[in-house]
All heavy atoms as atom14 arrays in JSON, in Angstrom:
{
  "sequence": "MLLLAIATSIDALAVGITFAFLKVNIVMAVSTIGVVTLIISAAGVYIG",
  "atom14_mask": [
    [1, 1, 1, 1, 1, 1, 1, 1, 0, 0, 0, 0, 0, 0],
    [1, 1, 1, 1, 1, 1, 1, 1, 0, 0, 0, 0, 0, 0],
    [1, 1, 1, 1, 1, 1, 1, 1, 0, 0, 0, 0, 0, 0],
    [1, 1, 1, 1, 1, 1, 1, 1, 0, 0, 0, 0, 0, 0],
    [1, 1, 1, 1, 1, 0, 0, 0, 0, 0, 0, 0, 0, 0],
    [1, 1, 1, 1, 1, 1, 1, 1, 0, 0, 0, 0, 0, 0],
    [1, 1, 1, 1, 1, 0, 0, 0, 0, 0, 0, 0, 0, 0],
    [1, 1, 1, 1, 1, 1, 1, 0, 0, 0, 0, 0, 0, 0],
    [1, 1, 1, 1, 1, 1, 0, 0, 0, 0, 0, 0, 0, 0],
    [1, 1, 1, 1, 1, 1, 1, 1, 0, 0, 0, 0, 0, 0],
    [1, 1, 1, 1, 1, 1, 1, 1, 0, 0, 0, 0, 0, 0],
    [1, 1, 1, 1, 1, 0, 0, 0, 0, 0, 0, 0, 0, 0],
    [1, 1, 1, 1, 1, 1, 1, 1, 0, 0, 0, 0, 0, 0],
    [1, 1, 1, 1, 1, 0, 0, 0, 0, 0, 0, 0, 0, 0],
    [1, 1, 1, 1, 1, 1, 1, 0, 0, 0, 0, 0, 0, 0],
    [1, 1, 1, 1, 0, 0, 0, 0, 0, 0, 0, 0, 0, 0],
    [1, 1, 1, 1, 1, 1, 1, 1, 0, 0, 0, 0, 0, 0],
    [1, 1, 1, 1, 1, 1, 1, 0, 0, 0, 0, 0, 0, 0],
    [1, 1, 1, 1, 1, 1, 1, 1, 1, 1, 1, 0, 0, 0],
    [1, 1, 1, 1, 1, 0, 0, 0, 0, 0, 0, 0, 0, 0],
    [1, 1, 1, 1, 1, 1, 1, 1, 1, 1, 1, 0, 0, 0],
    [1, 1, 1, 1, 1, 1, 1, 1, 0, 0, 0, 0, 0, 0],
    [1, 1, 1, 1, 1, 1, 1, 1, 1, 0, 0, 0, 0, 0],
    [1, 1, 1, 1, 1, 1, 1, 0, 0, 0, 0, 0, 0, 0],
    [1, 1, 1, 1, 1, 1, 1, 1, 0, 0, 0, 0, 0, 0],
    [1, 1, 1, 1, 1, 1, 1, 1, 0, 0, 0, 0, 0, 0],
    [1, 1, 1, 1, 1, 1, 1, 0, 0, 0, 0, 0, 0, 0],
    [1, 1, 1, 1, 1, 1, 1, 1, 0, 0, 0, 0, 0, 0],
    [1, 1, 1, 1, 1, 0, 0, 0, 0, 0, 0, 0, 0, 0],
    [1, 1, 1, 1, 1, 1, 1, 0, 0, 0, 0, 0, 0, 0],
    [1, 1, 1, 1, 1, 1, 0, 0, 0, 0, 0, 0, 0, 0],
    [1, 1, 1, 1, 1, 1, 1, 0, 0, 0, 0, 0, 0, 0],
    [1, 1, 1, 1, 1, 1, 1, 1, 0, 0, 0, 0, 0, 0],
    [1, 1, 1, 1, 0, 0, 0, 0, 0, 0, 0, 0, 0, 0],
    [1, 1, 1, 1, 1, 1, 1, 0, 0, 0, 0, 0, 0, 0],
    [1, 1, 1, 1, 1, 1, 1, 0, 0, 0, 0, 0, 0, 0],
    [1, 1, 1, 1, 1, 1, 1, 0, 0, 0, 0, 0, 0, 0],
    [1, 1, 1, 1, 1, 1, 1, 1, 0, 0, 0, 0, 0, 0],
    [1, 1, 1, 1, 1, 1, 1, 1, 0, 0, 0, 0, 0, 0],
    [1, 1, 1, 1, 1, 1, 1, 1, 0, 0, 0, 0, 0, 0],
    [1, 1, 1, 1, 1, 1, 0, 0, 0, 0, 0, 0, 0, 0],
    [1, 1, 1, 1, 1, 0, 0, 0, 0, 0, 0, 0, 0, 0],
    [1, 1, 1, 1, 1, 0, 0, 0, 0, 0, 0, 0, 0, 0],
    [1, 1, 1, 1, 0, 0, 0, 0, 0, 0, 0, 0, 0, 0],
    [1, 1, 1, 1, 1, 1, 1, 0, 0, 0, 0, 0, 0, 0],
    [1, 1, 1, 1, 1, 1, 1, 1, 1, 1, 1, 1, 0, 0],
    [1, 1, 1, 1, 1, 1, 1, 1, 0, 0, 0, 0, 0, 0],
    [1, 1, 1, 1, 0, 0, 0, 0, 0, 0, 0, 0, 0, 0]
  ],
  "atom14_positions": [
    [[65.82, 63.06, 125.3], [64.94, 62.23, 124.47], [65.35, 62.27, 123.01], [65.28, 61.25, 122.31], [63.48, 62.66, 124.65], [62.94, 62.38, 126.05], [63.16, 60.67, 126.61], [62.16, 59.79, 125.43], [0.0, 0.0, 0.0], [0.0, 0.0, 0.0], [0.0, 0.0, 0.0], [0.0, 0.0, 0.0], [0.0, 0.0, 0.0], [0.0, 0.0, 0.0]],
    [[65.8, 63.42, 122.52], [66.24, 63.54, 121.14], [67.44, 62.63, 120.88], [67.46, 61.88, 119.89], [66.59, 64.99, 120.81], [67.13, 65.26, 119.41], [66.07, 64.95, 118.36], [67.6, 66.7, 119.28], [0.0, 0.0, 0.0], [0.0, 0.0, 0.0], [0.0, 0.0, 0.0], [0.0, 0.0, 0.0], [0.0, 0.0, 0.0], [0.0, 0.0, 0.0]],
    [[68.41, 62.65, 121.77], [69.59, 61.8, 121.61], [69.22, 60.32, 121.64], [69.72, 59.53, 120.83], [70.63, 62.12, 122.68], [71.3, 63.49, 122.56], [72.19, 63.75, 123.78], [72.1, 63.6, 121.27], [0.0, 0.0, 0.0], [0.0, 0.0, 0.0], [0.0, 0.0, 0.0], [0.0, 0.0, 0.0], [0.0, 0.0, 0.0], [0.0, 0.0, 0.0]],
    [[68.35, 59.94, 122.57], [67.93, 58.54, 122.64], [67.14, 58.13, 121.4], [67.32, 57.03, 120.88], [67.09, 58.3, 123.9], [67.85, 58.31, 125.22], [66.86, 58.22, 126.39], [68.85, 57.18, 125.27], [0.0, 0.0, 0.0], [0.0, 0.0, 0.0], [0.0, 0.0, 0.0], [0.0, 0.0, 0.0], [0.0, 0.0, 0.0], [0.0, 0.0, 0.0]],
    [[66.26, 59.02, 120.94], [65.44, 58.71, 119.76], [66.31, 58.52, 118.52], [66.08, 57.61, 117.72], [64.4, 59.81, 119.54], [0.0, 0.0, 0.0], [0.0, 0.0, 0.0], [0.0, 0.0, 0.0], [0.0, 0.0, 0.0], [0.0, 0.0, 0.0], [0.0, 0.0, 0.0], [0.0, 0.0, 0.0], [0.0, 0.0, 0.0], [0.0, 0.0, 0.0]],
    [[67.3, 59.37, 118.37], [68.2, 59.24, 117.23], [69.02, 57.95, 117.35], [69.14, 57.18, 116.4], [69.13, 60.47, 117.1], [68.31, 61.69, 116.68], [70.25, 60.2, 116.1], [69.06, 63.0, 116.75], [0.0, 0.0, 0.0], [0.0, 0.0, 0.0], [0.0, 0.0, 0.0], [0.0, 0.0, 0.0], [0.0, 0.0, 0.0], [0.0, 0.0, 0.0]],
    [[69.56, 57.72, 118.54], [70.4, 56.52, 118.75], [69.64, 55.22, 118.5], [70.2, 54.27, 117.94], [70.96, 56.53, 120.17], [0.0, 0.0, 0.0], [0.0, 0.0, 0.0], [0.0, 0.0, 0.0], [0.0, 0.0, 0.0], [0.0, 0.0, 0.0], [0.0, 0.0, 0.0], [0.0, 0.0, 0.0], [0.0, 0.0, 0.0], [0.0, 0.0, 0.0]],
    [[68.37, 55.18, 118.89], [67.6, 53.94, 118.72], [67.03, 53.79, 117.32], [66.49, 52.73, 117.0], [66.45, 53.85, 119.75], [65.59, 54.96, 119.59], [66.98, 53.77, 121.16], [0.0, 0.0, 0.0], [0.0, 0.0, 0.0], [0.0, 0.0, 0.0], [0.0, 0.0, 0.0], [0.0, 0.0, 0.0], [0.0, 0.0, 0.0], [0.0, 0.0, 0.0]],
    [[67.15, 54.81, 116.48], [66.55, 54.73, 115.15], [67.55, 54.78, 114.01], [67.16, 54.78, 112.85], [65.51, 55.84, 114.98], [66.12, 57.11, 115.06], [0.0, 0.0, 0.0], [0.0, 0.0, 0.0], [0.0, 0.0, 0.0], [0.0, 0.0, 0.0], [0.0, 0.0, 0.0], [0.0, 0.0, 0.0], [0.0, 0.0, 0.0], [0.0, 0.0, 0.0]],
    [[68.84, 54.81, 114.31], [69.85, 54.83, 113.25], [69.71, 53.6, 112.35], [69.83, 53.7, 111.12], [71.27, 54.91, 113.85], [71.5, 56.27, 114.51], [72.33, 54.63, 112.81], [71.49, 57.45, 113.59], [0.0, 0.0, 0.0], [0.0, 0.0, 0.0], [0.0, 0.0, 0.0], [0.0, 0.0, 0.0], [0.0, 0.0, 0.0], [0.0, 0.0, 0.0]],
    [[69.45, 52.44, 112.92], [69.3, 51.24, 112.11], [68.11, 51.35, 111.15], [68.13, 50.81, 110.06], [69.2, 49.98, 112.97], [68.17, 50.07, 114.08], [67.58, 51.14, 114.28], [67.97, 49.05, 114.76], [0.0, 0.0, 0.0], [0.0, 0.0, 0.0], [0.0, 0.0, 0.0], [0.0, 0.0, 0.0], [0.0, 0.0, 0.0], [0.0, 0.0, 0.0]],
    [[67.08, 52.11, 111.54], [65.93, 52.3, 110.67], [66.3, 53.12, 109.43], [65.67, 52.97, 108.37], [64.79, 52.97, 111.43], [0.0, 0.0, 0.0], [0.0, 0.0, 0.0], [0.0, 0.0, 0.0], [0.0, 0.0, 0.0], [0.0, 0.0, 0.0], [0.0, 0.0, 0.0], [0.0, 0.0, 0.0], [0.0, 0.0, 0.0], [0.0, 0.0, 0.0]],
    [[67.31, 53.97, 109.53], [67.79, 54.72, 108.38], [68.33, 53.75, 107.32], [68.0, 53.86, 106.13], [68.89, 55.7, 108.81], [69.52, 56.55, 107.71], [68.52, 57.6, 107.23], [70.78, 57.22, 108.22], [0.0, 0.0, 0.0], [0.0, 0.0, 0.0], [0.0, 0.0, 0.0], [0.0, 0.0, 0.0], [0.0, 0.0, 0.0], [0.0, 0.0, 0.0]],
    [[69.12, 52.8, 107.74], [69.66, 51.8, 106.82], [68.55, 50.95, 106.21], [68.57, 50.63, 105.01], [70.67, 50.91, 107.53], [0.0, 0.0, 0.0], [0.0, 0.0, 0.0], [0.0, 0.0, 0.0], [0.0, 0.0, 0.0], [0.0, 0.0, 0.0], [0.0, 0.0, 0.0], [0.0, 0.0, 0.0], [0.0, 0.0, 0.0], [0.0, 0.0, 0.0]],
    [[67.55, 50.62, 107.01], [66.42, 49.85, 106.51], [65.67, 50.67, 105.45], [65.23, 50.14, 104.43], [65.49, 49.42, 107.66], [64.18, 48.86, 107.14], [66.19, 48.39, 108.53], [0.0, 0.0, 0.0], [0.0, 0.0, 0.0], [0.0, 0.0, 0.0], [0.0, 0.0, 0.0], [0.0, 0.0, 0.0], [0.0, 0.0, 0.0], [0.0, 0.0, 0.0]],
    [[65.54, 51.96, 105.68], [64.88, 52.83, 104.7], [65.58, 52.83, 103.36], [64.93, 52.88, 102.31], [0.0, 0.0, 0.0], [0.0, 0.0, 0.0], [0.0, 0.0, 0.0], [0.0, 0.0, 0.0], [0.0, 0.0, 0.0], [0.0, 0.0, 0.0], [0.0, 0.0, 0.0], [0.0, 0.0, 0.0], [0.0, 0.0, 0.0], [0.0, 0.0, 0.0]],
    [[66.9, 52.75, 103.37], [67.65, 52.68, 102.11], [67.27, 51.4, 101.37], [67.05, 51.42, 100.16], [69.17, 52.75, 102.38], [69.53, 54.14, 102.91], [69.96, 52.43, 101.12], [70.93, 54.28, 103.44], [0.0, 0.0, 0.0], [0.0, 0.0, 0.0], [0.0, 0.0, 0.0], [0.0, 0.0, 0.0], [0.0, 0.0, 0.0], [0.0, 0.0, 0.0]],
    [[67.15, 50.3, 102.1], [66.76, 49.05, 101.44], [65.33, 49.12, 100.91], [65.02, 48.5, 99.9], [66.91, 47.83, 102.38], [65.97, 47.92, 103.44], [68.31, 47.72, 102.92], [0.0, 0.0, 0.0], [0.0, 0.0, 0.0], [0.0, 0.0, 0.0], [0.0, 0.0, 0.0], [0.0, 0.0, 0.0], [0.0, 0.0, 0.0], [0.0, 0.0, 0.0]],
    [[64.46, 49.87, 101.57], [63.09, 50.04, 101.08], [63.05, 50.62, 99.67], [62.21, 50.26, 98.86], [62.28, 50.94, 102.01], [61.81, 50.29, 103.29], [61.3, 51.07, 104.32], [61.86, 48.92, 103.48], [60.85, 50.5, 105.49], [61.42, 48.34, 104.66], [60.91, 49.13, 105.66], [0.0, 0.0, 0.0], [0.0, 0.0, 0.0], [0.0, 0.0, 0.0]],
    [[63.96, 51.54, 99.39], [63.99, 52.16, 98.06], [64.28, 51.12, 96.99], [63.71, 51.17, 95.89], [65.05, 53.26, 98.03], [0.0, 0.0, 0.0], [0.0, 0.0, 0.0], [0.0, 0.0, 0.0], [0.0, 0.0, 0.0], [0.0, 0.0, 0.0], [0.0, 0.0, 0.0], [0.0, 0.0, 0.0], [0.0, 0.0, 0.0], [0.0, 0.0, 0.0]],
    [[65.12, 50.16, 97.29], [65.48, 49.14, 96.31], [64.41, 48.07, 96.17], [64.3, 47.44, 95.14], [66.81, 48.48, 96.69], [67.92, 49.45, 96.95], [68.74, 49.29, 98.03], [68.12, 50.54, 96.12], [69.77, 50.19, 98.29], [69.14, 51.44, 96.37], [69.96, 51.27, 97.45], [0.0, 0.0, 0.0], [0.0, 0.0, 0.0], [0.0, 0.0, 0.0]],
    [[63.63, 47.88, 97.22], [62.64, 46.81, 97.22], [61.26, 47.27, 96.78], [60.31, 46.5, 96.82], [62.55, 46.21, 98.64], [63.84, 45.59, 99.17], [63.66, 45.17, 100.62], [64.25, 44.4, 98.31], [0.0, 0.0, 0.0], [0.0, 0.0, 0.0], [0.0, 0.0, 0.0], [0.0, 0.0, 0.0], [0.0, 0.0, 0.0], [0.0, 0.0, 0.0]],
    [[61.13, 48.52, 96.4], [59.85, 49.08, 95.93], [58.75, 48.92, 96.99], [57.65, 48.48, 96.72], [59.4, 48.42, 94.63], [60.42, 48.44, 93.54], [60.48, 49.79, 92.88], [61.26, 49.74, 91.6], [62.6, 50.21, 91.7], [0.0, 0.0, 0.0], [0.0, 0.0, 0.0], [0.0, 0.0, 0.0], [0.0, 0.0, 0.0], [0.0, 0.0, 0.0]],
    [[59.07, 49.28, 98.21], [58.13, 49.19, 99.32], [57.2, 50.39, 99.31], [57.6, 51.5, 98.95], [58.92, 49.14, 100.66], [58.02, 49.26, 101.85], [59.72, 47.86, 100.73], [0.0, 0.0, 0.0], [0.0, 0.0, 0.0], [0.0, 0.0, 0.0], [0.0, 0.0, 0.0], [0.0, 0.0, 0.0], [0.0, 0.0, 0.0], [0.0, 0.0, 0.0]],
    [[55.94, 50.18, 99.69], [55.0, 51.29, 99.88], [55.49, 52.04, 101.12], [55.23, 51.63, 102.25], [53.59, 50.76, 100.07], [52.58, 51.85, 100.36], [52.92, 52.95, 100.8], [51.32, 51.53, 100.12], [0.0, 0.0, 0.0], [0.0, 0.0, 0.0], [0.0, 0.0, 0.0], [0.0, 0.0, 0.0], [0.0, 0.0, 0.0], [0.0, 0.0, 0.0]],
    [[56.18, 53.14, 100.9], [56.88, 53.82, 102.0], [55.92, 54.41, 103.02], [56.22, 54.42, 104.22], [57.88, 54.88, 101.46], [58.84, 55.33, 102.55], [57.15, 56.04, 100.82], [59.74, 54.26, 103.1], [0.0, 0.0, 0.0], [0.0, 0.0, 0.0], [0.0, 0.0, 0.0], [0.0, 0.0, 0.0], [0.0, 0.0, 0.0], [0.0, 0.0, 0.0]],
    [[54.77, 54.89, 102.59], [53.81, 55.46, 103.55], [53.32, 54.38, 104.5], [53.29, 54.57, 105.73], [52.63, 56.14, 102.81], [51.56, 56.58, 103.79], [53.12, 57.31, 101.97], [0.0, 0.0, 0.0], [0.0, 0.0, 0.0], [0.0, 0.0, 0.0], [0.0, 0.0, 0.0], [0.0, 0.0, 0.0], [0.0, 0.0, 0.0], [0.0, 0.0, 0.0]],
    [[52.96, 53.22, 103.96], [52.51, 52.11, 104.81], [53.65, 51.65, 105.72], [53.45, 51.4, 106.9], [52.03, 50.95, 103.92], [51.57, 49.71, 104.68], [52.84, 48.46, 105.02], [53.33, 47.94, 103.4], [0.0, 0.0, 0.0], [0.0, 0.0, 0.0], [0.0, 0.0, 0.0], [0.0, 0.0, 0.0], [0.0, 0.0, 0.0], [0.0, 0.0, 0.0]],
    [[54.87, 51.57, 105.16], [56.0, 51.07, 105.94], [56.35, 52.0, 107.1], [56.47, 51.54, 108.24], [57.22, 50.87, 105.03], [0.0, 0.0, 0.0], [0.0, 0.0, 0.0], [0.0, 0.0, 0.0], [0.0, 0.0, 0.0], [0.0, 0.0, 0.0], [0.0, 0.0, 0.0], [0.0, 0.0, 0.0], [0.0, 0.0, 0.0], [0.0, 0.0, 0.0]],
    [[56.51, 53.3, 106.83], [56.9, 54.2, 107.92], [55.78, 54.37, 108.93], [56.04, 54.51, 110.13], [57.41, 55.58, 107.41], [58.65, 55.41, 106.57], [56.36, 56.36, 106.69], [0.0, 0.0, 0.0], [0.0, 0.0, 0.0], [0.0, 0.0, 0.0], [0.0, 0.0, 0.0], [0.0, 0.0, 0.0], [0.0, 0.0, 0.0], [0.0, 0.0, 0.0]],
    [[54.53, 54.32, 108.47], [53.41, 54.4, 109.41], [53.39, 53.19, 110.33], [53.22, 53.32, 111.55], [52.08, 54.48, 108.66], [52.03, 55.62, 107.85], [0.0, 0.0, 0.0], [0.0, 0.0, 0.0], [0.0, 0.0, 0.0], [0.0, 0.0, 0.0], [0.0, 0.0, 0.0], [0.0, 0.0, 0.0], [0.0, 0.0, 0.0], [0.0, 0.0, 0.0]],
    [[53.57, 52.02, 109.75], [53.58, 50.79, 110.55], [54.74, 50.79, 111.53], [54.55, 50.49, 112.72], [53.67, 49.56, 109.61], [52.57, 49.58, 108.71], [53.66, 48.26, 110.41], [0.0, 0.0, 0.0], [0.0, 0.0, 0.0], [0.0, 0.0, 0.0], [0.0, 0.0, 0.0], [0.0, 0.0, 0.0], [0.0, 0.0, 0.0], [0.0, 0.0, 0.0]],
    [[55.93, 51.14, 111.05], [57.11, 51.16, 111.92], [56.91, 52.16, 113.07], [57.2, 51.86, 114.23], [58.37, 51.49, 111.11], [58.72, 50.31, 110.2], [59.55, 51.83, 112.02], [59.77, 50.62, 109.14], [0.0, 0.0, 0.0], [0.0, 0.0, 0.0], [0.0, 0.0, 0.0], [0.0, 0.0, 0.0], [0.0, 0.0, 0.0], [0.0, 0.0, 0.0]],
    [[56.39, 53.34, 112.76], [56.18, 54.36, 113.79], [55.17, 53.94, 114.84], [55.41, 54.08, 116.04], [0.0, 0.0, 0.0], [0.0, 0.0, 0.0], [0.0, 0.0, 0.0], [0.0, 0.0, 0.0], [0.0, 0.0, 0.0], [0.0, 0.0, 0.0], [0.0, 0.0, 0.0], [0.0, 0.0, 0.0], [0.0, 0.0, 0.0], [0.0, 0.0, 0.0]],
    [[54.03, 53.41, 114.39], [52.97, 53.01, 115.33], [53.42, 51.83, 116.18], [53.21, 51.81, 117.4], [51.66, 52.71, 114.57], [50.63, 52.05, 115.48], [51.09, 53.98, 113.96], [0.0, 0.0, 0.0], [0.0, 0.0, 0.0], [0.0, 0.0, 0.0], [0.0, 0.0, 0.0], [0.0, 0.0, 0.0], [0.0, 0.0, 0.0], [0.0, 0.0, 0.0]],
    [[54.03, 50.83, 115.55], [54.49, 49.66, 116.3], [55.52, 50.08, 117.35], [55.46, 49.65, 118.51], [55.07, 48.58, 115.34], [55.86, 47.53, 116.09], [53.94, 47.94, 114.55], [0.0, 0.0, 0.0], [0.0, 0.0, 0.0], [0.0, 0.0, 0.0], [0.0, 0.0, 0.0], [0.0, 0.0, 0.0], [0.0, 0.0, 0.0], [0.0, 0.0, 0.0]],
    [[56.47, 50.94, 116.96], [57.48, 51.38, 117.9], [56.87, 52.2, 119.02], [57.26, 52.05, 120.19], [58.58, 52.2, 117.18], [59.15, 51.38, 116.15], [59.67, 52.62, 118.15], [0.0, 0.0, 0.0], [0.0, 0.0, 0.0], [0.0, 0.0, 0.0], [0.0, 0.0, 0.0], [0.0, 0.0, 0.0], [0.0, 0.0, 0.0], [0.0, 0.0, 0.0]],
    [[55.92, 53.06, 118.7], [55.25, 53.86, 119.73], [54.61, 52.94, 120.78], [54.82, 53.12, 121.99], [54.18, 54.75, 119.09], [53.46, 55.73, 120.01], [53.03, 56.96, 119.22], [52.27, 55.13, 120.7], [0.0, 0.0, 0.0], [0.0, 0.0, 0.0], [0.0, 0.0, 0.0], [0.0, 0.0, 0.0], [0.0, 0.0, 0.0], [0.0, 0.0, 0.0]],
    [[53.86, 51.97, 120.32], [53.16, 51.05, 121.24], [54.15, 50.22, 122.05], [54.03, 50.11, 123.28], [52.18, 50.15, 120.46], [51.03, 51.0, 119.89], [51.64, 49.02, 121.35], [50.18, 50.28, 118.86], [0.0, 0.0, 0.0], [0.0, 0.0, 0.0], [0.0, 0.0, 0.0], [0.0, 0.0, 0.0], [0.0, 0.0, 0.0], [0.0, 0.0, 0.0]],
    [[55.14, 49.66, 121.38], [56.11, 48.8, 122.07], [56.95, 49.61, 123.07], [57.24, 49.15, 124.17], [57.0, 48.05, 121.05], [56.16, 46.96, 120.38], [58.25, 47.49, 121.69], [56.87, 46.2, 119.28], [0.0, 0.0, 0.0], [0.0, 0.0, 0.0], [0.0, 0.0, 0.0], [0.0, 0.0, 0.0], [0.0, 0.0, 0.0], [0.0, 0.0, 0.0]],
    [[57.31, 50.84, 122.69], [58.12, 51.68, 123.59], [57.32, 52.11, 124.81], [57.84, 52.09, 125.94], [58.62, 52.92, 122.84], [59.47, 52.56, 121.8], [0.0, 0.0, 0.0], [0.0, 0.0, 0.0], [0.0, 0.0, 0.0], [0.0, 0.0, 0.0], [0.0, 0.0, 0.0], [0.0, 0.0, 0.0], [0.0, 0.0, 0.0], [0.0, 0.0, 0.0]],
    [[56.08, 52.52, 124.6], [55.24, 52.9, 125.74], [55.05, 51.72, 126.68], [55.15, 51.86, 127.91], [53.9, 53.44, 125.24], [0.0, 0.0, 0.0], [0.0, 0.0, 0.0], [0.0, 0.0, 0.0], [0.0, 0.0, 0.0], [0.0, 0.0, 0.0], [0.0, 0.0, 0.0], [0.0, 0.0, 0.0], [0.0, 0.0, 0.0], [0.0, 0.0, 0.0]],
    [[54.82, 50.54, 126.1], [54.7, 49.34, 126.93], [56.01, 49.04, 127.64], [56.02, 48.61, 128.8], [54.29, 48.15, 126.07], [0.0, 0.0, 0.0], [0.0, 0.0, 0.0], [0.0, 0.0, 0.0], [0.0, 0.0, 0.0], [0.0, 0.0, 0.0], [0.0, 0.0, 0.0], [0.0, 0.0, 0.0], [0.0, 0.0, 0.0], [0.0, 0.0, 0.0]],
    [[57.13, 49.3, 126.97], [58.45, 49.07, 127.56], [58.68, 49.89, 128.82], [59.31, 49.42, 129.77], [0.0, 0.0, 0.0], [0.0, 0.0, 0.0], [0.0, 0.0, 0.0], [0.0, 0.0, 0.0], [0.0, 0.0, 0.0], [0.0, 0.0, 0.0], [0.0, 0.0, 0.0], [0.0, 0.0, 0.0], [0.0, 0.0, 0.0], [0.0, 0.0, 0.0]],
    [[58.17, 51.11, 128.84], [58.29, 51.96, 130.04], [57.59, 51.29, 131.22], [58.15, 51.19, 132.31], [57.73, 53.38, 129.78], [57.69, 54.19, 131.07], [58.55, 54.1, 128.73], [0.0, 0.0, 0.0], [0.0, 0.0, 0.0], [0.0, 0.0, 0.0], [0.0, 0.0, 0.0], [0.0, 0.0, 0.0], [0.0, 0.0, 0.0], [0.0, 0.0, 0.0]],
    [[56.38, 50.81, 130.98], [55.63, 50.12, 132.05], [56.32, 48.82, 132.45], [56.44, 48.52, 133.64], [54.19, 49.83, 131.6], [53.29, 51.03, 131.68], [52.92, 51.72, 130.55], [52.82, 51.49, 132.91], [52.1, 52.82, 130.61], [51.99, 52.59, 133.0], [51.64, 53.26, 131.85], [50.83, 54.35, 131.92], [0.0, 0.0, 0.0], [0.0, 0.0, 0.0]],
    [[56.75, 48.05, 131.47], [57.41, 46.78, 131.76], [58.69, 47.02, 132.57], [58.97, 46.31, 133.53], [57.69, 45.99, 130.47], [56.36, 45.52, 129.87], [58.64, 44.82, 130.71], [56.46, 44.98, 128.46], [0.0, 0.0, 0.0], [0.0, 0.0, 0.0], [0.0, 0.0, 0.0], [0.0, 0.0, 0.0], [0.0, 0.0, 0.0], [0.0, 0.0, 0.0]],
    [[59.46, 48.02, 132.16], [60.68, 48.35, 132.89], [60.4, 48.76, 134.32], [61.13, 48.4, 135.24], [0.0, 0.0, 0.0], [0.0, 0.0, 0.0], [0.0, 0.0, 0.0], [0.0, 0.0, 0.0], [0.0, 0.0, 0.0], [0.0, 0.0, 0.0], [0.0, 0.0, 0.0], [0.0, 0.0, 0.0], [0.0, 0.0, 0.0], [0.0, 0.0, 0.0]]
  ]
}
C-alpha cells in the first residue's frame, strides 16, 4: 500500500509546488485533495 500510495501521489507533489506560487490556502487545498481522493478511491474499490 505504501508503494502504491506514493506512486499514485507523485503528481500531487508537483501540484503542491505550483500551489506555493499561486498563493493557495494550503490547508483547504490539501484537506480537499485528501478527502476527495479518499472517497473516490474507496468507491473505486467497490466499482472495480
